[in-house]
């Protein structure tokens, strides 16, 4: 009598959100985000060009990618204000 073979279960690795982000100023992937939920602020700093910014839109549900999005918005707003 033949036995049934069991199929192997293939698991896909879960995708992760990156820890380091690209800098809009220099283009290098060197942006680190220091998230401090208790104070309600986050520090964003580029290790390559030294660009720094403080984002104060932090709440208990905020993640690093949200801070990066706010940082990018502020960066391009300030750049467009300088050019006009």
Protein backbone atom coordinates (compact mmCIF):
# COMPACT_ATOMS: atom_id res chain seq x y z
CA UNK A 1 0.00 0.00 0.00
CA UNK A 2 1.18 3.46 -0.83
CA UNK A 3 1.57 6.24 1.66
CA UNK A 4 0.53 9.79 1.08
CA UNK A 5 3.32 12.30 1.11
CA UNK A 6 2.85 15.45 3.05
CA UNK A 7 3.45 18.72 1.22
CA UNK A 8 5.96 21.08 2.74
CA UNK A 9 4.57 24.39 3.89
CA UNK A 10 6.55 27.23 2.36
CA UNK A 11 6.59 30.37 4.39
CA UNK A 12 7.38 33.72 2.92
CA UNK A 13 9.50 36.04 5.01
CA UNK A 14 7.55 38.98 6.35
CA UNK A 15 8.51 42.35 4.85
CA UNK A 16 10.02 44.87 7.25
CA UNK A 17 9.93 48.64 7.24
CA UNK A 18 13.52 49.95 6.83
CA UNK A 19 15.47 51.50 9.71
CA UNK A 20 17.46 53.88 7.51
CA UNK A 21 15.90 56.17 4.91
CA UNK A 22 17.19 58.13 1.87
CA UNK A 23 18.13 61.76 2.40
CA UNK A 24 16.33 64.25 0.13
CA UNK A 25 19.29 66.64 0.24
CA UNK A 26 22.32 64.45 -0.56
CA UNK A 27 20.62 61.28 -1.88
CA UNK A 28 22.49 58.86 0.42
CA UNK A 29 20.61 56.32 2.50
CA UNK A 30 21.72 57.76 5.81
CA UNK A 31 18.68 59.25 7.60
CA UNK A 32 18.28 57.98 11.16
CA UNK A 33 15.22 58.77 13.26
CA UNK A 34 15.35 59.06 17.06
CA UNK A 35 11.78 58.69 18.28
CA UNK A 36 10.98 59.94 21.80
CA UNK A 37 7.28 59.38 22.48
CA UNK A 38 7.37 60.61 26.08
CA UNK A 39 8.49 64.12 25.06
CA UNK A 40 6.39 64.18 21.90
CA UNK A 41 9.31 64.98 19.60
CA UNK A 42 11.49 63.08 17.16
CA UNK A 43 14.95 63.92 15.83
CA UNK A 44 15.77 63.31 12.18
CA UNK A 45 19.44 63.41 11.16
CA UNK A 46 21.44 62.55 8.05
CA UNK A 47 24.76 60.90 8.79
CA UNK A 48 26.18 61.98 5.44
CA UNK A 49 25.40 65.66 4.96
CA UNK A 50 24.44 66.56 8.54
CA UNK A 51 20.89 67.70 7.75
CA UNK A 52 18.92 67.86 11.02
CA UNK A 53 15.30 68.55 11.86
CA UNK A 54 13.02 68.13 14.88
CA UNK A 55 9.50 66.86 14.22
CA UNK A 56 6.98 67.50 16.99
CA UNK A 57 4.00 65.60 15.57
CA UNK A 58 4.59 62.51 17.73
CA UNK A 59 1.89 60.55 19.56
CA UNK A 60 1.87 57.01 21.01
CA UNK A 61 0.81 55.49 17.67
CA UNK A 62 3.46 57.24 15.56
CA UNK A 63 6.07 55.07 13.86
CA UNK A 64 9.42 56.03 12.31
CA UNK A 65 8.01 55.94 8.78
CA UNK A 66 5.37 58.53 9.78
CA UNK A 67 8.10 60.81 11.11
CA UNK A 68 10.04 60.38 7.87
CA UNK A 69 6.97 61.38 5.85
CA UNK A 70 6.48 64.52 7.96
CA UNK A 71 10.19 65.31 7.59
CA UNK A 72 10.05 64.99 3.79
CA UNK A 73 6.97 67.24 3.66
CA UNK A 74 8.66 69.93 5.76
CA UNK A 75 11.89 69.68 3.78
CA UNK A 76 10.19 70.29 0.44
CA UNK A 77 7.93 73.02 1.89
CA UNK A 78 10.95 74.93 3.16
CA UNK A 79 12.71 74.45 -0.16
CA UNK A 80 9.77 75.77 -2.17
CA UNK A 81 9.44 78.74 0.19
CA UNK A 82 13.13 79.61 -0.35
CA UNK A 83 12.82 79.53 -4.13
CA UNK A 84 9.85 81.93 -4.26
